[in-house]
Amino acid sequence: MAYLVTGCAGFIGGRLCEILVQRGNFVIGLDALTDYYDLRIKQNNLRSLQTYERFRFIQSDLVTNDLKPILEQVDCVFHTAGQPGVRGSWGEQFHLYLRNNIQATQRLLESIKSLHRNIKVVFSSSSSIYGNTDQLPTSETALPRPYSPYGATKLAAEHLCSLYCVNYGIPTVSLRYFTVYGPGQRPDMAFHIFIKALLQNAPIKILGDGSQTRDFTYVDDIVAANLLAAEKSVEGEIFNIGGGSRVSLRETLSILETVSGLTPTIHYEPPTKGDVRDTSADTNKARRLLGYEPKTGLEEGLRRQFGWEKGIY
């Protein structure tokens, strides 16, 4: 099989590319190399991927570049590219979220439509589309009520995938990720920040009182869900992809103390606009239709991420 992975230099896209080529697949990785975070991190991810003969990198912008010559070479697209981050989606930078989450998805789908080929699209969505829901665990039938501009743009991109599936027969599947972590995590994400602070003997800042909860999902479980979505005949479906447990931030800090042997100094600060109180994935649908089963528990996953960060800080 031949695959296109958009956002291949990023956290999830990079790990997905690695596992795909290790399984003997041909992979085209596409990335615009935006500067949302340190480009050296993305370039380092690419250097690792480019050691594989069956991987080819193309620097390209989904919005402005002609995608058809690339799409003609593949059977399936994993669309992991996008503008991440809840906090950055407020204010002047919102145009980047419109462009990189909505417009880029529309351009990709339009390009596939014009080829009249049966190219499957597995879209990386987010639990942010649910907002502050009262339904915990949250099933896919819950009413989406995004609590941030970021969540609104991910929901819009989901709708585009569904529309192109229904109207043009493009086989799309959307996966709603719940708080992804693990080696390679972006430097702006919570666990990366917490572990870096621990290693540098700096205080850990918690936004809120620490009792807020998340369903943390290890990156390899996210990759496994993508592969299952590509393999199964589940066109037009949407799935929650979670880690299997709901844990408070205070509890995660206790686990970090256990795996690191270091005692954190914690500073509490006011919560940020757009951050939801709790998340918890009802993954029954993914288990039933995809055969999805998260394999890595939080303590083991944090142990692996701590080991990775210890090697870079």
Protein backbone atom coordinates (compact mmCIF):
# COMPACT_ATOMS: atom_id res chain seq x y z
CA MET A 1 0.00 0.00 0.00
CA ALA A 2 1.03 3.60 -0.61
CA TYR A 3 0.06 6.28 1.88
CA LEU A 4 0.16 10.05 2.15
CA VAL A 5 0.62 11.47 5.64
CA THR A 6 -0.01 15.20 5.94
CA GLY A 7 1.74 16.85 8.86
CA CYS A 8 4.45 14.19 8.69
CA ALA A 9 7.01 16.23 10.64
CA GLY A 10 4.69 16.61 13.61
CA PHE A 11 4.15 14.56 16.76
CA ILE A 12 1.43 12.16 15.61
CA GLY A 13 2.16 12.28 11.87
CA GLY A 14 5.83 11.52 12.39
CA ARG A 15 5.15 8.47 14.55
CA LEU A 16 2.51 7.26 12.09
CA CYS A 17 4.99 7.51 9.20
CA GLU A 18 7.58 5.58 11.17
CA ILE A 19 5.25 2.69 11.93
CA LEU A 20 3.89 2.60 8.36
CA VAL A 21 7.33 2.29 6.76
CA GLN A 22 8.45 -0.24 9.38
CA ARG A 23 5.52 -2.37 8.20
CA GLY A 24 6.82 -2.27 4.63
CA ASN A 25 4.55 0.42 3.19
CA PHE A 26 5.55 3.24 0.85
CA VAL A 27 4.88 6.59 2.50
CA ILE A 28 4.86 10.11 1.11
CA GLY A 29 5.14 12.59 3.93
CA LEU A 30 3.88 16.10 3.32
CA ASP A 31 4.48 19.05 5.64
CA ALA A 32 4.48 22.83 5.22
CA LEU A 33 6.99 23.18 8.10
CA THR A 34 5.12 26.03 9.77
CA ASP A 35 6.76 27.74 12.73
CA TYR A 36 4.07 27.14 15.38
CA TYR A 37 6.90 25.63 17.43
CA ASP A 38 10.66 25.25 16.98
CA LEU A 39 11.32 24.12 13.41
CA ARG A 40 14.42 22.25 14.55
CA ILE A 41 12.17 19.71 16.26
CA LYS A 42 10.29 19.05 13.02
CA GLN A 43 13.53 18.88 11.04
CA ASN A 44 14.92 16.37 13.51
CA ASN A 45 11.78 14.25 13.08
CA LEU A 46 12.28 14.36 9.32
CA ARG A 47 15.95 13.37 9.51
CA SER A 48 14.93 10.22 11.35
CA LEU A 49 12.23 9.40 8.79
CA GLN A 50 14.50 10.03 5.81
CA THR A 51 16.72 7.12 6.84
CA TYR A 52 13.97 4.84 5.50
CA GLU A 53 14.13 4.03 1.79
CA ARG A 54 10.34 3.73 1.55
CA PHE A 55 9.74 7.25 2.86
CA ARG A 56 9.72 10.35 0.67
CA PHE A 57 9.29 13.87 2.01
CA ILE A 58 7.62 16.72 0.13
CA GLN A 59 7.50 20.20 1.60
CA SER A 60 4.14 21.51 0.44
CA ASP A 61 1.27 23.74 1.47
CA LEU A 62 -2.12 22.04 1.31
CA VAL A 63 -3.88 25.32 0.54
CA THR A 64 -1.76 26.70 -2.29
CA ASN A 65 0.06 23.79 -3.94
CA ASP A 66 -1.25 21.34 -6.54
CA LEU A 67 -1.89 18.12 -4.63
CA LYS A 68 -3.11 15.99 -7.52
CA PRO A 69 0.32 14.68 -8.66
CA ILE A 70 0.95 13.49 -5.09
CA LEU A 71 -2.51 12.01 -4.59
CA GLU A 72 -2.26 10.03 -7.83
CA GLN A 73 0.48 7.94 -6.19
CA VAL A 74 -1.37 6.87 -3.03
CA ASP A 75 -4.27 4.70 -1.89
CA CYS A 76 -5.02 6.37 1.43
CA VAL A 77 -4.42 9.71 3.16
CA PHE A 78 -3.84 10.18 6.87
CA HIS A 79 -4.68 13.85 7.35
CA THR A 80 -2.87 14.78 10.57
CA ALA A 81 -1.82 18.28 9.47
CA GLY A 82 -3.44 21.27 11.13
CA GLN A 83 -3.01 24.28 13.37
CA PRO A 84 -2.90 22.95 16.95
CA GLY A 85 -3.53 24.53 20.32
CA VAL A 86 -6.55 25.90 22.16
CA ARG A 87 -4.88 28.99 23.61
CA GLY A 88 -3.39 30.21 20.35
CA SER A 89 -6.75 30.07 18.58
CA TRP A 90 -8.06 33.23 20.25
CA GLY A 91 -7.39 36.68 18.80
CA GLU A 92 -5.13 37.68 15.95
CA GLN A 93 -3.90 34.18 15.07
CA PHE A 94 -7.37 32.80 14.33
CA HIS A 95 -6.82 33.22 10.59
CA LEU A 96 -4.19 30.46 10.81
CA TYR A 97 -6.78 28.07 12.25
CA LEU A 98 -9.25 28.91 9.48
CA ARG A 99 -6.56 28.37 6.88
CA ASN A 100 -4.74 25.32 8.22
CA ASN A 101 -7.68 23.41 9.72
CA ILE A 102 -10.63 24.25 7.47
CA GLN A 103 -9.35 25.54 4.15
CA ALA A 104 -6.54 22.97 3.97
CA THR A 105 -9.00 20.14 4.57
CA GLN A 106 -11.36 21.47 1.90
CA ARG A 107 -8.52 21.75 -0.62
CA LEU A 108 -7.39 18.20 0.09
CA LEU A 109 -10.92 16.84 -0.37
CA GLU A 110 -11.47 18.88 -3.55
CA SER A 111 -8.23 17.54 -5.00
CA ILE A 112 -9.29 13.96 -4.28
CA LYS A 113 -12.73 14.62 -5.77
CA SER A 114 -11.21 15.86 -9.02
CA LEU A 115 -9.19 12.65 -9.48
CA HIS A 116 -12.23 10.33 -9.42
CA ARG A 117 -10.18 7.77 -7.48
CA ASN A 118 -11.23 5.83 -4.40
CA ILE A 119 -8.71 7.40 -2.00
CA LYS A 120 -9.60 6.93 1.64
CA VAL A 121 -9.10 9.82 4.08
CA VAL A 122 -8.55 9.28 7.81
CA PHE A 123 -8.92 12.67 9.47
CA SER A 124 -7.32 13.62 12.79
CA SER A 125 -10.03 15.40 14.76
CA SER A 126 -10.14 16.27 18.45
CA SER A 127 -12.16 15.83 21.62
CA SER A 128 -12.17 19.65 21.68
CA ILE A 129 -15.25 19.52 19.46
CA TYR A 130 -17.32 18.43 22.49
CA GLY A 131 -16.52 21.41 24.71
CA ASN A 132 -17.71 21.35 28.32
CA THR A 133 -20.08 18.44 27.96
CA ASP A 134 -22.04 17.02 30.89
CA GLN A 135 -21.97 13.55 29.32
CA LEU A 136 -18.98 11.72 30.78
CA PRO A 137 -17.77 9.42 29.35
CA THR A 138 -18.70 11.17 26.11
CA SER A 139 -20.06 9.17 23.19
CA GLU A 140 -20.06 10.21 19.54
CA THR A 141 -23.78 10.97 19.79
CA ALA A 142 -23.19 13.84 22.25
CA LEU A 143 -24.01 17.27 20.84
CA PRO A 144 -20.76 19.00 19.79
CA ARG A 145 -20.41 22.38 21.52
CA PRO A 146 -16.82 23.57 21.08
CA TYR A 147 -15.45 25.72 23.89
CA SER A 148 -12.63 27.26 21.85
CA PRO A 149 -12.06 28.56 18.31
CA TYR A 150 -9.69 25.63 17.80
CA GLY A 151 -12.47 23.17 18.58
CA ALA A 152 -14.82 25.01 16.23
CA THR A 153 -12.37 24.69 13.33
CA LYS A 154 -11.80 20.99 13.95
CA LEU A 155 -15.56 20.41 13.98
CA ALA A 156 -15.90 22.34 10.71
CA ALA A 157 -13.21 20.16 9.13
CA GLU A 158 -15.06 17.05 10.36
CA HIS A 159 -18.23 18.32 8.70
CA LEU A 160 -16.34 18.82 5.44
CA CYS A 161 -15.16 15.22 5.54
CA SER A 162 -18.72 14.02 6.10
CA LEU A 163 -20.09 16.23 3.32
CA TYR A 164 -17.57 15.00 0.74
CA CYS A 165 -18.28 11.42 1.79
CA VAL A 166 -22.06 11.76 1.42
CA ASN A 167 -22.09 13.91 -1.71
CA TYR A 168 -19.07 12.65 -3.66
CA GLY A 169 -18.42 9.20 -2.24
CA ILE A 170 -14.98 10.00 -0.85
CA PRO A 171 -14.43 7.39 1.88
CA THR A 172 -13.66 9.47 4.96
CA VAL A 173 -13.28 8.52 8.62
CA SER A 174 -12.82 11.04 11.45
CA LEU A 175 -11.02 10.16 14.68
CA ARG A 176 -11.59 12.33 17.74
CA TYR A 177 -8.38 12.14 19.74
CA PHE A 178 -8.40 12.60 23.50
CA THR A 179 -5.23 14.31 24.87
CA VAL A 180 -2.34 12.57 23.12
CA TYR A 181 1.03 12.13 24.84
CA GLY A 182 4.24 10.10 24.56
CA PRO A 183 7.77 10.44 23.15
CA GLY A 184 7.92 13.17 20.53
CA GLN A 185 5.15 15.23 22.13
CA ARG A 186 5.07 18.88 21.04
CA PRO A 187 6.92 21.30 23.37
CA ASP A 188 3.76 23.35 24.00
CA MET A 189 1.82 20.38 25.41
CA ALA A 190 1.28 19.84 29.14
CA PHE A 191 3.26 16.67 29.84
CA HIS A 192 6.22 17.92 27.81
CA ILE A 193 6.20 21.15 29.83
CA PHE A 194 5.79 19.32 33.16
CA ILE A 195 8.63 16.87 32.52
CA LYS A 196 10.96 19.58 31.24
CA ALA A 197 10.29 21.60 34.40
CA LEU A 198 11.00 18.54 36.57
CA LEU A 199 14.29 17.87 34.80
CA GLN A 200 15.36 21.51 35.12
CA ASN A 201 14.23 21.81 38.75
CA ALA A 202 11.74 24.51 37.79
CA PRO A 203 8.20 24.96 39.15
CA ILE A 204 5.33 23.30 37.31
CA LYS A 205 2.49 25.69 36.50
CA ILE A 206 -1.01 24.24 36.73
CA LEU A 207 -3.79 26.28 35.12
CA GLY A 208 -6.70 25.77 37.50
CA ASP A 209 -6.80 23.85 40.77
CA GLY A 210 -5.50 20.54 39.40
CA SER A 211 -8.76 18.67 39.89
CA GLN A 212 -9.69 18.93 36.20
CA THR A 213 -9.55 15.57 34.43
CA ARG A 214 -8.43 14.26 31.07
CA ASP A 215 -8.53 11.02 29.14
CA PHE A 216 -4.86 10.68 28.20
CA THR A 217 -4.07 8.59 25.10
CA TYR A 218 -0.63 7.21 24.27
CA VAL A 219 0.62 8.10 20.80
CA ASP A 220 1.07 4.49 19.65
CA ASP A 221 -2.57 3.79 20.51
CA ILE A 222 -3.51 6.77 18.31
CA VAL A 223 -1.43 5.32 15.48
CA ALA A 224 -3.08 1.91 15.93
CA ALA A 225 -6.51 3.55 15.66
CA ASN A 226 -5.49 5.23 12.40
CA LEU A 227 -4.33 1.95 10.91
CA LEU A 228 -7.55 0.22 11.93
CA ALA A 229 -9.64 3.05 10.45
CA ALA A 230 -7.76 2.69 7.17
CA GLU A 231 -8.23 -1.09 7.08
CA LYS A 232 -11.89 -1.38 8.08
CA SER A 233 -14.94 -0.58 5.91
CA VAL A 234 -16.20 2.24 8.11
CA GLU A 235 -16.59 5.05 5.57
CA GLY A 236 -18.47 8.08 6.86
CA GLU A 237 -18.02 7.13 10.52
CA ILE A 238 -16.67 9.17 13.43
CA PHE A 239 -14.88 7.56 16.38
CA ASN A 240 -13.66 8.60 19.80
CA ILE A 241 -10.09 7.47 20.44
CA GLY A 242 -9.16 7.57 24.13
CA GLY A 243 -6.75 5.96 26.54
CA GLY A 244 -9.29 4.18 28.69
CA SER A 245 -9.17 6.12 31.96
CA ARG A 246 -10.03 9.56 33.32
CA VAL A 247 -7.29 11.06 35.50
CA SER A 248 -6.93 14.42 37.25
CA LEU A 249 -3.89 16.62 36.72
CA ARG A 250 -2.98 16.19 40.38
CA GLU A 251 -2.95 12.42 39.89
CA THR A 252 -0.74 12.73 36.81
CA LEU A 253 1.79 14.76 38.80
CA SER A 254 1.85 12.02 41.41
CA ILE A 255 2.50 9.44 38.69
CA LEU A 256 5.26 11.65 37.25
CA GLU A 257 6.88 11.83 40.67
CA THR A 258 6.83 8.02 40.83
CA VAL A 259 8.32 7.42 37.37
CA SER A 260 10.93 10.20 37.62
CA GLY A 261 11.97 9.97 41.26
CA LEU A 262 11.75 13.77 41.33
CA THR A 263 9.48 15.88 43.52
CA PRO A 264 7.67 18.66 41.65
CA THR A 265 7.18 22.19 42.89
CA ILE A 266 3.68 23.21 41.83
CA HIS A 267 2.34 26.71 41.22
CA TYR A 268 -1.37 27.13 40.59
CA GLU A 269 -2.58 29.83 38.20
CA PRO A 270 -6.02 30.86 36.87
CA PRO A 271 -7.44 28.60 34.14
CA THR A 272 -7.17 29.67 30.52
CA LYS A 273 -10.17 30.60 28.39
CA GLY A 274 -11.22 27.68 26.23
CA ASP A 275 -9.79 24.93 28.44
CA VAL A 276 -12.54 22.45 29.23
CA ARG A 277 -13.06 21.10 32.72
CA ASP A 278 -13.13 17.35 32.01
CA THR A 279 -12.77 14.89 29.15
CA SER A 280 -13.51 11.18 29.04
CA ALA A 281 -13.95 9.07 25.92
CA ASP A 282 -16.65 6.49 25.46
CA THR A 283 -14.77 4.23 23.05
CA ASN A 284 -17.38 1.48 22.73
CA LYS A 285 -18.01 2.31 19.08
CA ALA A 286 -14.30 2.16 18.20
CA ARG A 287 -13.94 -1.12 20.08
CA ARG A 288 -16.95 -2.61 18.31
CA LEU A 289 -16.38 -1.45 14.72
CA LEU A 290 -12.61 -1.01 14.59
CA GLY A 291 -11.40 -3.51 17.16
CA TYR A 292 -9.61 -0.63 18.89
CA GLU A 293 -8.14 -1.38 22.29
CA PRO A 294 -5.71 1.01 24.03
CA LYS A 295 -2.58 -0.90 25.02
CA THR A 296 -0.47 1.56 27.03
CA GLY A 297 -1.51 2.73 30.49
CA LEU A 298 -0.69 6.19 31.79
CA GLU A 299 2.14 5.19 34.14
CA GLU A 300 3.99 3.21 31.47
CA GLY A 301 3.37 5.90 28.86
CA LEU A 302 4.68 8.64 31.13
CA ARG A 303 7.71 6.49 31.96
CA ARG A 304 8.51 6.31 28.24
CA GLN A 305 7.96 10.02 27.69
CA PHE A 306 10.12 10.87 30.71
CA GLY A 307 12.91 8.68 29.34
CA TRP A 308 12.70 10.40 25.97
CA GLU A 309 12.76 13.91 27.43
CA LYS A 310 15.60 13.01 29.79
CA GLY A 311 17.64 12.37 26.67
CA ILE A 312 17.06 15.86 25.27
CA TYR A 313 17.12 18.15 28.34
